[in-house]
């Protein structure tokens, strides 16, 4: 399987040319575009320099259940233009996870609101870019949301740090991307990056790029 990384402003300064040279097995990357309604301060530079290093790129948006839904969707719409998300990029990712201190407690009362936010975000991105967005989540967190089935046509980027195969959230039968290790030191990265793999080969990766 192909190897890739994901980064955000927490990764610090990244020398993408050095990263590509000293980590030749890295074929793709996901770059955080926004956290809630706030743009990642490193998004524009990371995306431009990763493209210059000829690494296949995609962006992800960490949704916050405790922020206004419309503001978050509007932010990502504006970033599609500002970051020049275009043919040849990976479809954008909606990051669906629970991080203590970042999202309010999960109860049956707010799950429906959050699922509607995810669905509206995906609909907005597919309308703008023509491809179904990727969903990043874990089996355990997806279960907290009730294992909703309305997103099964979206490619899955599953996260689980384990040996062997990751546990998949219901209803997906296979993953497209797998984040299998976090906070790894890498040449060219001032901080750390997370490690990922793609389920198939380079032609398959090319086939899923935005047209």
N, C-alpha and C. Protein backbone atom coordinates (compact mmCIF):
# COMPACT_ATOMS: atom_id res chain seq x y z
N UNK A 1 0.84 -1.19 0.00
CA UNK A 1 0.00 0.00 0.00
C UNK A 1 0.87 1.24 0.00
N UNK A 2 0.35 2.33 -0.58
CA UNK A 2 1.08 3.58 -0.62
C UNK A 2 1.12 4.22 0.76
N UNK A 3 2.17 5.01 1.00
CA UNK A 3 2.37 5.65 2.29
C UNK A 3 2.16 7.15 2.19
N UNK A 4 1.63 7.74 3.26
CA UNK A 4 1.42 9.17 3.29
C UNK A 4 1.46 9.70 4.71
N UNK A 5 1.29 11.01 4.85
CA UNK A 5 1.31 11.66 6.16
C UNK A 5 0.14 12.63 6.25
N UNK A 6 -0.17 13.03 7.47
CA UNK A 6 -1.05 14.19 7.66
C UNK A 6 -0.42 15.13 8.66
N UNK A 7 -0.63 16.43 8.43
CA UNK A 7 0.02 17.47 9.22
C UNK A 7 -0.94 18.61 9.50
N UNK A 8 -0.57 19.42 10.47
CA UNK A 8 -1.31 20.64 10.80
C UNK A 8 -0.30 21.65 11.32
N UNK A 9 -0.79 22.77 11.82
CA UNK A 9 0.12 23.76 12.38
C UNK A 9 0.89 23.20 13.57
N UNK A 10 0.35 22.17 14.22
CA UNK A 10 1.06 21.54 15.34
C UNK A 10 2.35 20.84 14.87
N UNK A 11 2.45 20.57 13.58
CA UNK A 11 3.66 19.94 13.04
C UNK A 11 4.81 20.92 12.91
N UNK A 12 4.53 22.20 13.08
CA UNK A 12 5.58 23.20 12.97
C UNK A 12 5.99 23.43 11.53
N UNK A 13 7.13 24.07 11.34
CA UNK A 13 7.64 24.37 10.01
C UNK A 13 8.02 23.07 9.29
N UNK A 14 7.62 22.98 8.02
CA UNK A 14 7.92 21.79 7.24
C UNK A 14 8.71 22.20 6.00
N UNK A 15 9.85 21.56 5.81
CA UNK A 15 10.63 21.72 4.57
C UNK A 15 10.20 20.58 3.66
N UNK A 16 9.27 20.87 2.76
CA UNK A 16 8.66 19.81 1.96
C UNK A 16 9.64 19.20 0.97
N UNK A 17 10.56 20.00 0.46
CA UNK A 17 11.56 19.44 -0.45
C UNK A 17 12.45 18.43 0.28
N UNK A 18 12.86 18.79 1.51
CA UNK A 18 13.66 17.86 2.30
C UNK A 18 12.86 16.63 2.69
N UNK A 19 11.60 16.85 3.06
CA UNK A 19 10.74 15.72 3.43
C UNK A 19 10.65 14.72 2.27
N UNK A 20 10.42 15.24 1.06
CA UNK A 20 10.30 14.37 -0.10
C UNK A 20 11.61 13.65 -0.40
N UNK A 21 12.72 14.37 -0.28
CA UNK A 21 14.02 13.79 -0.60
C UNK A 21 14.41 12.70 0.40
N UNK A 22 14.18 12.95 1.67
CA UNK A 22 14.66 12.03 2.71
C UNK A 22 13.62 10.99 3.12
N UNK A 23 12.40 11.14 2.63
CA UNK A 23 11.34 10.15 2.87
C UNK A 23 10.71 9.79 1.53
N UNK A 24 11.46 9.13 0.63
CA UNK A 24 11.01 8.93 -0.75
C UNK A 24 9.76 8.06 -0.88
N UNK A 25 9.38 7.37 0.19
CA UNK A 25 8.18 6.54 0.11
C UNK A 25 6.89 7.27 0.39
N UNK A 26 6.97 8.58 0.64
CA UNK A 26 5.76 9.35 0.92
C UNK A 26 5.13 9.80 -0.40
N UNK A 27 3.94 9.27 -0.69
CA UNK A 27 3.28 9.56 -1.96
C UNK A 27 2.14 10.56 -1.84
N UNK A 28 1.59 10.75 -0.64
CA UNK A 28 0.46 11.66 -0.49
C UNK A 28 0.48 12.30 0.89
N UNK A 29 -0.27 13.38 1.02
CA UNK A 29 -0.37 14.04 2.32
C UNK A 29 -1.75 14.66 2.48
N UNK A 30 -2.18 14.74 3.71
CA UNK A 30 -3.38 15.50 4.07
C UNK A 30 -2.94 16.65 4.98
N UNK A 31 -3.42 17.84 4.67
CA UNK A 31 -3.03 19.06 5.36
C UNK A 31 -4.27 19.68 6.00
N UNK A 32 -4.17 20.01 7.27
CA UNK A 32 -5.35 20.61 7.92
C UNK A 32 -5.60 22.00 7.34
N UNK A 33 -6.83 22.21 6.88
CA UNK A 33 -7.23 23.50 6.35
C UNK A 33 -7.86 24.38 7.41
N UNK A 34 -8.64 23.75 8.31
CA UNK A 34 -9.34 24.54 9.31
C UNK A 34 -9.68 23.68 10.51
N UNK A 35 -9.85 24.38 11.63
CA UNK A 35 -10.28 23.77 12.89
C UNK A 35 -11.51 24.57 13.33
N UNK A 36 -12.69 23.94 13.24
CA UNK A 36 -13.90 24.70 13.44
C UNK A 36 -14.04 25.76 12.35
N UNK A 37 -14.28 27.00 12.76
CA UNK A 37 -14.39 28.09 11.78
C UNK A 37 -13.09 28.86 11.63
N UNK A 38 -11.99 28.32 12.14
CA UNK A 38 -10.70 29.01 12.11
C UNK A 38 -9.75 28.34 11.13
N UNK A 39 -9.19 29.12 10.22
CA UNK A 39 -8.23 28.59 9.25
C UNK A 39 -6.95 28.19 9.95
N UNK A 40 -6.37 27.06 9.56
CA UNK A 40 -5.06 26.65 10.04
C UNK A 40 -4.02 27.62 9.46
N UNK A 41 -3.20 28.20 10.34
CA UNK A 41 -2.28 29.25 9.90
C UNK A 41 -1.21 28.73 8.94
N UNK A 42 -0.99 27.43 8.91
CA UNK A 42 0.04 26.87 8.04
C UNK A 42 -0.54 26.26 6.77
N UNK A 43 -1.86 26.31 6.60
CA UNK A 43 -2.49 25.58 5.50
C UNK A 43 -2.00 26.03 4.13
N UNK A 44 -2.02 27.31 3.88
CA UNK A 44 -1.68 27.80 2.54
C UNK A 44 -0.24 27.47 2.17
N UNK A 45 0.69 27.74 3.08
CA UNK A 45 2.11 27.47 2.80
C UNK A 45 2.35 25.98 2.64
N UNK A 46 1.77 25.17 3.52
CA UNK A 46 1.97 23.72 3.43
C UNK A 46 1.45 23.16 2.11
N UNK A 47 0.29 23.62 1.71
CA UNK A 47 -0.30 23.09 0.48
C UNK A 47 0.52 23.49 -0.74
N UNK A 48 0.93 24.74 -0.82
CA UNK A 48 1.72 25.19 -1.95
C UNK A 48 3.05 24.46 -2.04
N UNK A 49 3.72 24.31 -0.91
CA UNK A 49 5.05 23.70 -0.93
C UNK A 49 4.98 22.19 -1.11
N UNK A 50 3.93 21.56 -0.62
CA UNK A 50 3.75 20.13 -0.86
C UNK A 50 3.49 19.86 -2.33
N UNK A 51 2.70 20.73 -2.96
CA UNK A 51 2.48 20.59 -4.41
C UNK A 51 3.80 20.78 -5.16
N UNK A 52 4.58 21.78 -4.75
CA UNK A 52 5.86 22.02 -5.40
C UNK A 52 6.78 20.81 -5.28
N UNK A 53 6.65 20.06 -4.20
CA UNK A 53 7.46 18.86 -3.99
C UNK A 53 6.87 17.64 -4.71
N UNK A 54 5.79 17.85 -5.46
CA UNK A 54 5.14 16.80 -6.25
C UNK A 54 4.60 15.66 -5.37
N UNK A 55 4.00 16.06 -4.26
CA UNK A 55 3.30 15.12 -3.40
C UNK A 55 1.81 15.32 -3.62
N UNK A 56 1.07 14.26 -3.82
CA UNK A 56 -0.38 14.35 -3.98
C UNK A 56 -0.98 14.89 -2.69
N UNK A 57 -1.81 15.93 -2.81
CA UNK A 57 -2.29 16.65 -1.62
C UNK A 57 -3.80 16.57 -1.45
N UNK A 58 -4.21 16.63 -0.22
CA UNK A 58 -5.61 16.83 0.14
C UNK A 58 -5.66 17.66 1.40
N UNK A 59 -6.81 18.24 1.70
CA UNK A 59 -6.97 19.03 2.91
C UNK A 59 -8.08 18.43 3.77
N UNK A 60 -7.98 18.69 5.08
CA UNK A 60 -9.04 18.22 5.96
C UNK A 60 -9.52 19.34 6.88
N UNK A 61 -10.77 19.19 7.30
CA UNK A 61 -11.42 20.19 8.16
C UNK A 61 -11.89 19.49 9.42
N UNK A 62 -11.31 19.88 10.57
CA UNK A 62 -11.73 19.36 11.87
C UNK A 62 -13.00 20.09 12.27
N UNK A 63 -14.13 19.37 12.22
CA UNK A 63 -15.39 19.99 12.62
C UNK A 63 -15.54 20.01 14.13
N UNK A 64 -16.09 21.11 14.64
CA UNK A 64 -16.34 21.24 16.07
C UNK A 64 -17.84 21.28 16.31
N UNK A 65 -18.29 20.39 17.18
CA UNK A 65 -19.71 20.34 17.49
C UNK A 65 -20.17 21.53 18.33
N UNK A 66 -19.22 22.26 18.93
CA UNK A 66 -19.58 23.37 19.80
C UNK A 66 -19.45 24.72 19.11
N UNK A 67 -19.29 24.72 17.78
CA UNK A 67 -19.25 25.96 17.02
C UNK A 67 -20.39 26.00 16.02
N UNK A 68 -20.72 27.20 15.58
CA UNK A 68 -21.84 27.38 14.65
C UNK A 68 -21.61 26.60 13.37
N UNK A 69 -22.62 25.83 12.96
CA UNK A 69 -22.49 24.96 11.79
C UNK A 69 -22.29 25.76 10.51
N UNK A 70 -23.11 26.79 10.30
CA UNK A 70 -23.03 27.57 9.06
C UNK A 70 -21.67 28.26 8.93
N UNK A 71 -21.14 28.75 10.04
CA UNK A 71 -19.84 29.44 10.00
C UNK A 71 -18.73 28.48 9.57
N UNK A 72 -18.80 27.24 10.04
CA UNK A 72 -17.77 26.27 9.69
C UNK A 72 -17.86 25.88 8.22
N UNK A 73 -19.06 25.69 7.73
CA UNK A 73 -19.23 25.34 6.32
C UNK A 73 -18.81 26.51 5.43
N UNK A 74 -19.21 27.72 5.81
CA UNK A 74 -18.81 28.90 5.04
C UNK A 74 -17.30 29.07 5.02
N UNK A 75 -16.64 28.78 6.13
CA UNK A 75 -15.18 28.87 6.18
C UNK A 75 -14.55 27.92 5.18
N UNK A 76 -15.04 26.67 5.14
CA UNK A 76 -14.44 25.72 4.22
C UNK A 76 -14.75 26.08 2.77
N UNK A 77 -15.92 26.59 2.50
CA UNK A 77 -16.23 27.06 1.14
C UNK A 77 -15.23 28.13 0.71
N UNK A 78 -14.94 29.06 1.60
CA UNK A 78 -13.99 30.13 1.26
C UNK A 78 -12.59 29.59 1.07
N UNK A 79 -12.24 28.55 1.82
CA UNK A 79 -10.90 27.97 1.71
C UNK A 79 -10.73 27.16 0.43
N UNK A 80 -11.80 26.62 -0.11
CA UNK A 80 -11.71 25.94 -1.41
C UNK A 80 -11.14 26.90 -2.44
N UNK A 81 -11.60 28.15 -2.40
CA UNK A 81 -11.08 29.16 -3.33
C UNK A 81 -9.72 29.67 -2.90
N UNK A 82 -9.57 30.02 -1.63
CA UNK A 82 -8.32 30.61 -1.16
C UNK A 82 -7.14 29.66 -1.33
N UNK A 83 -7.35 28.38 -1.02
CA UNK A 83 -6.28 27.39 -1.12
C UNK A 83 -6.17 26.79 -2.52
N UNK A 84 -7.06 27.21 -3.41
CA UNK A 84 -7.05 26.73 -4.79
C UNK A 84 -7.15 25.20 -4.86
N UNK A 85 -8.15 24.66 -4.14
CA UNK A 85 -8.43 23.23 -4.23
C UNK A 85 -8.89 22.95 -5.65
N UNK A 86 -8.27 21.98 -6.33
CA UNK A 86 -8.43 21.91 -7.79
C UNK A 86 -8.25 20.48 -8.28
N UNK A 87 -8.53 20.25 -9.59
CA UNK A 87 -8.26 18.93 -10.16
C UNK A 87 -6.82 18.51 -9.91
N UNK A 88 -6.66 17.24 -9.54
CA UNK A 88 -5.34 16.73 -9.19
C UNK A 88 -5.12 16.63 -7.70
N UNK A 89 -6.01 17.28 -6.91
CA UNK A 89 -5.97 17.15 -5.46
C UNK A 89 -6.87 15.99 -5.03
N UNK A 90 -6.63 15.47 -3.84
CA UNK A 90 -7.54 14.51 -3.24
C UNK A 90 -8.82 15.21 -2.81
N UNK A 91 -9.95 14.51 -2.79
CA UNK A 91 -11.17 15.12 -2.27
C UNK A 91 -10.96 15.59 -0.83
N UNK A 92 -11.64 16.66 -0.43
CA UNK A 92 -11.46 17.15 0.94
C UNK A 92 -11.99 16.15 1.96
N UNK A 93 -11.48 16.29 3.17
CA UNK A 93 -11.81 15.37 4.26
C UNK A 93 -12.55 16.12 5.36
N UNK A 94 -13.61 15.50 5.88
CA UNK A 94 -14.24 16.00 7.09
C UNK A 94 -13.74 15.13 8.24
N UNK A 95 -13.10 15.77 9.20
CA UNK A 95 -12.48 15.12 10.36
C UNK A 95 -13.54 15.01 11.46
N UNK A 96 -13.98 13.78 11.73
CA UNK A 96 -15.05 13.53 12.70
C UNK A 96 -14.46 12.77 13.87
N UNK A 97 -14.18 13.47 14.94
CA UNK A 97 -13.58 12.82 16.10
C UNK A 97 -13.90 13.61 17.36
N UNK A 98 -13.67 13.00 18.48
CA UNK A 98 -13.91 13.62 19.77
C UNK A 98 -12.57 13.82 20.47
N UNK A 99 -12.22 15.07 20.70
CA UNK A 99 -10.98 15.39 21.40
C UNK A 99 -11.35 16.13 22.68
N UNK A 100 -11.03 15.60 23.85
CA UNK A 100 -11.40 16.27 25.10
C UNK A 100 -10.96 17.73 25.10
N UNK A 101 -11.89 18.60 25.47
CA UNK A 101 -11.59 20.02 25.50
C UNK A 101 -11.91 20.73 24.20
N UNK A 102 -12.12 19.98 23.11
CA UNK A 102 -12.40 20.60 21.82
C UNK A 102 -13.87 20.51 21.42
N UNK A 103 -14.57 19.56 21.95
CA UNK A 103 -15.97 19.36 21.58
C UNK A 103 -16.79 19.16 22.85
N UNK A 104 -18.01 19.64 22.84
CA UNK A 104 -18.81 19.47 24.04
C UNK A 104 -19.24 18.01 24.20
N UNK A 105 -19.66 17.61 25.40
CA UNK A 105 -19.94 16.20 25.66
C UNK A 105 -20.99 15.63 24.71
N UNK A 106 -20.81 14.38 24.36
CA UNK A 106 -21.72 13.72 23.42
C UNK A 106 -22.92 13.16 24.16
N UNK A 107 -24.09 13.64 23.78
CA UNK A 107 -25.34 13.15 24.35
C UNK A 107 -26.31 12.94 23.20
N UNK A 108 -27.34 12.15 23.40
CA UNK A 108 -28.35 11.98 22.34
C UNK A 108 -28.93 13.31 21.85
N UNK A 109 -28.90 14.33 22.72
CA UNK A 109 -29.47 15.62 22.34
C UNK A 109 -28.66 16.35 21.29
N UNK A 110 -27.34 16.15 21.25
CA UNK A 110 -26.54 16.93 20.30
C UNK A 110 -25.98 16.10 19.15
N UNK A 111 -26.14 14.79 19.19
CA UNK A 111 -25.64 13.95 18.11
C UNK A 111 -26.34 14.28 16.80
N UNK A 112 -27.65 14.46 16.83
CA UNK A 112 -28.39 14.75 15.60
C UNK A 112 -27.89 16.04 14.96
N UNK A 113 -27.62 17.04 15.78
CA UNK A 113 -27.10 18.32 15.28
C UNK A 113 -25.74 18.12 14.59
N UNK A 114 -24.89 17.33 15.20
CA UNK A 114 -23.56 17.12 14.64
C UNK A 114 -23.63 16.33 13.34
N UNK A 115 -24.49 15.32 13.28
CA UNK A 115 -24.64 14.54 12.05
C UNK A 115 -25.18 15.40 10.92
N UNK A 116 -26.09 16.30 11.23
CA UNK A 116 -26.59 17.22 10.20
C UNK A 116 -25.48 18.14 9.70
N UNK A 117 -24.62 18.58 10.61
CA UNK A 117 -23.48 19.41 10.22
C UNK A 117 -22.57 18.64 9.27
N UNK A 118 -22.26 17.39 9.60
CA UNK A 118 -21.41 16.57 8.73
C UNK A 118 -22.06 16.40 7.35
N UNK A 119 -23.35 16.10 7.35
CA UNK A 119 -24.05 15.88 6.07
C UNK A 119 -24.08 17.15 5.23
N UNK A 120 -24.36 18.29 5.85
CA UNK A 120 -24.42 19.55 5.11
C UNK A 120 -23.04 19.95 4.61
N UNK A 121 -22.00 19.69 5.41
CA UNK A 121 -20.62 19.96 4.97
C UNK A 121 -20.29 19.12 3.75
N UNK A 122 -20.60 17.83 3.81
CA UNK A 122 -20.30 16.93 2.69
C UNK A 122 -21.06 17.35 1.44
N UNK A 123 -22.32 17.73 1.61
CA UNK A 123 -23.12 18.15 0.46
C UNK A 123 -22.54 19.40 -0.17
N UNK A 124 -22.11 20.35 0.65
CA UNK A 124 -21.53 21.59 0.12
C UNK A 124 -20.25 21.32 -0.65
N UNK A 125 -19.38 20.44 -0.11
CA UNK A 125 -18.12 20.15 -0.79
C UNK A 125 -18.34 19.36 -2.07
N UNK A 126 -19.28 18.42 -2.06
CA UNK A 126 -19.53 17.65 -3.28
C UNK A 126 -20.12 18.54 -4.37
N UNK A 127 -20.98 19.47 -3.99
CA UNK A 127 -21.54 20.41 -4.97
C UNK A 127 -20.45 21.28 -5.57
N UNK A 128 -19.51 21.73 -4.76
CA UNK A 128 -18.45 22.61 -5.25
C UNK A 128 -17.41 21.87 -6.08
N UNK A 129 -17.09 20.63 -5.70
CA UNK A 129 -15.92 19.95 -6.26
C UNK A 129 -16.25 18.70 -7.07
N UNK A 130 -17.47 18.22 -6.98
CA UNK A 130 -17.90 17.14 -7.86
C UNK A 130 -17.57 15.74 -7.41
N UNK A 131 -16.97 15.59 -6.23
CA UNK A 131 -16.62 14.27 -5.72
C UNK A 131 -17.07 14.15 -4.27
N UNK A 132 -17.46 12.94 -3.84
CA UNK A 132 -17.84 12.78 -2.44
C UNK A 132 -16.65 12.98 -1.53
N UNK A 133 -16.78 13.79 -0.49
CA UNK A 133 -15.67 13.99 0.44
C UNK A 133 -15.32 12.71 1.19
N UNK A 134 -14.14 12.70 1.74
CA UNK A 134 -13.66 11.59 2.55
C UNK A 134 -14.05 11.84 4.01
N UNK A 135 -14.41 10.80 4.72
CA UNK A 135 -14.72 10.91 6.14
C UNK A 135 -13.62 10.26 6.96
N UNK A 136 -13.05 11.05 7.87
CA UNK A 136 -12.03 10.56 8.81
C UNK A 136 -12.70 10.31 10.15
N UNK A 137 -12.58 9.11 10.66
CA UNK A 137 -13.14 8.80 11.96
C UNK A 137 -12.57 7.49 12.46
N UNK A 138 -12.98 7.10 13.67
CA UNK A 138 -12.61 5.81 14.24
C UNK A 138 -13.88 5.01 14.47
N UNK A 139 -13.72 3.69 14.56
CA UNK A 139 -14.87 2.84 14.82
C UNK A 139 -15.51 3.18 16.16
N UNK A 140 -14.68 3.46 17.17
CA UNK A 140 -15.20 3.72 18.51
C UNK A 140 -15.99 5.02 18.56
N UNK A 141 -15.47 6.08 17.88
CA UNK A 141 -16.21 7.34 17.92
C UNK A 141 -17.46 7.27 17.06
N UNK A 142 -17.37 6.62 15.92
CA UNK A 142 -18.54 6.49 15.05
C UNK A 142 -19.67 5.76 15.79
N UNK A 143 -19.30 4.81 16.62
CA UNK A 143 -20.30 4.10 17.42
C UNK A 143 -20.98 5.05 18.39
N UNK A 144 -20.22 6.01 18.95
CA UNK A 144 -20.83 7.00 19.84
C UNK A 144 -21.90 7.82 19.11
N UNK A 145 -21.71 7.97 17.81
CA UNK A 145 -22.68 8.72 17.01
C UNK A 145 -23.85 7.84 16.55
N UNK A 146 -23.85 6.58 16.96
CA UNK A 146 -24.95 5.69 16.62
C UNK A 146 -24.74 4.88 15.34
N UNK A 147 -23.49 4.81 14.86
CA UNK A 147 -23.19 4.10 13.60
C UNK A 147 -24.13 4.53 12.47
N UNK A 148 -24.19 5.83 12.18
CA UNK A 148 -25.08 6.29 11.10
C UNK A 148 -24.67 5.71 9.75
N UNK A 149 -25.64 5.38 8.94
CA UNK A 149 -25.38 4.72 7.65
C UNK A 149 -25.49 5.66 6.45
N UNK A 150 -25.85 6.91 6.67
CA UNK A 150 -26.10 7.81 5.53
C UNK A 150 -24.84 8.26 4.81
N UNK A 151 -23.66 7.92 5.36
CA UNK A 151 -22.40 8.36 4.76
C UNK A 151 -21.62 7.21 4.12
N UNK A 152 -22.25 6.06 3.92
CA UNK A 152 -21.51 4.88 3.49
C UNK A 152 -20.93 5.02 2.08
N UNK A 153 -21.41 5.96 1.28
CA UNK A 153 -20.86 6.17 -0.07
C UNK A 153 -19.63 7.08 -0.05
N UNK A 154 -19.33 7.67 1.09
CA UNK A 154 -18.13 8.48 1.21
C UNK A 154 -16.92 7.59 1.48
N UNK A 155 -15.80 7.84 0.83
CA UNK A 155 -14.58 7.07 1.15
C UNK A 155 -14.22 7.22 2.62
N UNK A 156 -13.70 6.17 3.20
CA UNK A 156 -13.36 6.16 4.63
C UNK A 156 -11.86 6.30 4.84
N UNK A 157 -11.51 7.23 5.71
CA UNK A 157 -10.15 7.35 6.25
C UNK A 157 -10.27 6.98 7.72
N UNK A 158 -9.88 5.78 8.05
CA UNK A 158 -10.06 5.27 9.41
C UNK A 158 -8.79 5.50 10.22
N UNK A 159 -8.97 5.80 11.49
CA UNK A 159 -7.83 5.94 12.39
C UNK A 159 -7.89 4.87 13.47
N UNK A 160 -6.80 4.14 13.59
CA UNK A 160 -6.60 3.19 14.69
C UNK A 160 -5.12 2.82 14.70
N UNK A 161 -4.49 3.03 15.84
CA UNK A 161 -3.07 2.70 15.98
C UNK A 161 -2.97 1.26 16.47
N UNK A 162 -2.72 0.35 15.54
CA UNK A 162 -2.73 -1.07 15.89
C UNK A 162 -1.89 -1.85 14.89
N UNK A 163 -1.59 -3.09 15.23
CA UNK A 163 -0.96 -4.02 14.30
C UNK A 163 -2.07 -4.79 13.58
N UNK A 164 -1.80 -5.22 12.37
CA UNK A 164 -2.84 -5.91 11.63
C UNK A 164 -3.80 -4.92 11.01
N UNK A 165 -5.04 -5.33 10.83
CA UNK A 165 -6.03 -4.50 10.17
C UNK A 165 -6.82 -3.68 11.20
N UNK A 166 -7.19 -2.44 10.84
CA UNK A 166 -7.96 -1.61 11.77
C UNK A 166 -9.41 -2.09 11.84
N UNK A 167 -10.03 -1.79 12.95
CA UNK A 167 -11.46 -2.04 13.08
C UNK A 167 -12.21 -0.95 12.32
N UNK A 168 -13.15 -1.34 11.48
CA UNK A 168 -13.87 -0.38 10.64
C UNK A 168 -15.18 0.04 11.30
N UNK A 169 -15.52 1.31 11.18
CA UNK A 169 -16.83 1.74 11.66
C UNK A 169 -17.94 1.19 10.78
N UNK A 170 -19.06 0.92 11.38
CA UNK A 170 -20.24 0.49 10.64
C UNK A 170 -20.78 1.71 9.89
N UNK A 171 -21.14 1.60 8.59
CA UNK A 171 -21.37 0.39 7.80
C UNK A 171 -20.27 0.08 6.78
N UNK A 172 -19.11 0.76 6.85
CA UNK A 172 -18.09 0.56 5.83
C UNK A 172 -17.54 -0.87 5.88
N UNK A 173 -17.25 -1.42 4.71
CA UNK A 173 -16.68 -2.76 4.60
C UNK A 173 -15.18 -2.72 4.32
N UNK A 174 -14.67 -1.54 3.93
CA UNK A 174 -13.25 -1.40 3.63
C UNK A 174 -12.83 0.05 3.85
N UNK A 175 -11.56 0.25 4.09
CA UNK A 175 -11.05 1.61 4.22
C UNK A 175 -10.37 2.03 2.92
N UNK A 176 -10.32 3.33 2.69
CA UNK A 176 -9.55 3.89 1.59
C UNK A 176 -8.20 4.38 2.09
N UNK A 177 -8.20 5.06 3.23
CA UNK A 177 -6.96 5.47 3.90
C UNK A 177 -7.02 4.97 5.35
N UNK A 178 -5.84 4.74 5.91
CA UNK A 178 -5.74 4.29 7.30
C UNK A 178 -4.62 5.06 7.98
N UNK A 179 -4.97 5.81 9.03
CA UNK A 179 -3.98 6.46 9.88
C UNK A 179 -3.58 5.45 10.95
N UNK A 180 -2.35 4.94 10.83
CA UNK A 180 -1.96 3.82 11.68
C UNK A 180 -0.93 4.18 12.75
N UNK A 181 -0.39 5.39 12.72
CA UNK A 181 0.58 5.79 13.73
C UNK A 181 0.60 7.30 13.83
N UNK A 182 0.70 7.81 15.06
CA UNK A 182 0.65 9.25 15.26
C UNK A 182 1.91 9.83 15.86
N UNK A 183 2.10 11.14 15.61
CA UNK A 183 3.19 11.90 16.23
C UNK A 183 4.56 11.27 16.01
N UNK A 184 4.90 11.08 14.75
CA UNK A 184 6.15 10.43 14.37
C UNK A 184 7.16 11.49 13.91
N UNK A 185 8.38 11.51 14.45
CA UNK A 185 9.40 12.42 13.94
C UNK A 185 9.77 12.05 12.50
N UNK A 186 9.94 13.07 11.66
CA UNK A 186 10.30 12.83 10.26
C UNK A 186 11.29 13.88 9.80
N UNK A 187 12.22 13.48 8.96
CA UNK A 187 13.14 14.44 8.36
C UNK A 187 12.33 15.47 7.57
N UNK A 188 12.65 16.74 7.79
CA UNK A 188 11.95 17.82 7.10
C UNK A 188 10.81 18.42 7.88
N UNK A 189 10.38 17.74 8.95
CA UNK A 189 9.26 18.21 9.76
C UNK A 189 9.80 18.67 11.11
N UNK A 190 9.56 19.93 11.45
CA UNK A 190 10.08 20.47 12.70
C UNK A 190 9.46 19.77 13.90
N UNK A 191 8.16 19.49 13.81
CA UNK A 191 7.48 18.76 14.87
C UNK A 191 7.31 17.31 14.48
N UNK A 192 6.07 16.83 14.51
CA UNK A 192 5.79 15.45 14.16
C UNK A 192 4.70 15.38 13.11
N UNK A 193 4.56 14.21 12.51
CA UNK A 193 3.50 13.94 11.53
C UNK A 193 2.85 12.61 11.87
N UNK A 194 1.65 12.41 11.37
CA UNK A 194 0.97 11.12 11.51
C UNK A 194 1.18 10.31 10.23
N UNK A 195 1.29 9.00 10.38
CA UNK A 195 1.54 8.11 9.25
C UNK A 195 0.24 7.46 8.78
N UNK A 196 0.12 7.34 7.46
CA UNK A 196 -1.08 6.79 6.84
C UNK A 196 -0.70 5.87 5.70
N UNK A 197 -1.65 5.05 5.29
CA UNK A 197 -1.48 4.26 4.07
C UNK A 197 -2.75 4.33 3.24
N UNK A 198 -2.59 4.10 1.96
CA UNK A 198 -3.69 4.05 1.00
C UNK A 198 -3.89 2.59 0.61
N UNK A 199 -5.13 2.19 0.45
CA UNK A 199 -5.45 0.77 0.33
C UNK A 199 -4.90 0.09 -0.91
N UNK A 200 -4.52 0.86 -1.94
CA UNK A 200 -4.16 0.24 -3.21
C UNK A 200 -2.89 0.89 -3.78
N UNK A 201 -2.80 0.93 -5.11
CA UNK A 201 -1.58 1.38 -5.77
C UNK A 201 -1.73 2.81 -6.31
N UNK A 202 -0.67 3.28 -6.97
CA UNK A 202 -0.66 4.67 -7.42
C UNK A 202 -1.73 4.97 -8.48
N UNK A 203 -1.97 4.08 -9.46
CA UNK A 203 -3.06 4.35 -10.40
C UNK A 203 -4.42 4.49 -9.70
N UNK A 204 -4.66 3.70 -8.66
CA UNK A 204 -5.91 3.81 -7.92
C UNK A 204 -5.99 5.14 -7.19
N UNK A 205 -4.86 5.61 -6.65
CA UNK A 205 -4.83 6.91 -6.00
C UNK A 205 -5.14 8.01 -7.01
N UNK A 206 -4.52 7.93 -8.18
CA UNK A 206 -4.75 8.91 -9.22
C UNK A 206 -6.22 8.94 -9.65
N UNK A 207 -6.84 7.78 -9.66
CA UNK A 207 -8.23 7.67 -10.13
C UNK A 207 -9.21 8.39 -9.23
N UNK A 208 -8.87 8.57 -7.95
CA UNK A 208 -9.80 9.20 -7.03
C UNK A 208 -9.57 10.71 -6.89
N UNK A 209 -8.58 11.26 -7.61
CA UNK A 209 -8.31 12.69 -7.52
C UNK A 209 -9.45 13.49 -8.14
N UNK A 210 -9.59 14.74 -7.69
CA UNK A 210 -10.60 15.63 -8.25
C UNK A 210 -10.37 15.82 -9.74
N UNK A 211 -11.44 15.83 -10.48
CA UNK A 211 -11.37 15.98 -11.94
C UNK A 211 -11.73 17.42 -12.33
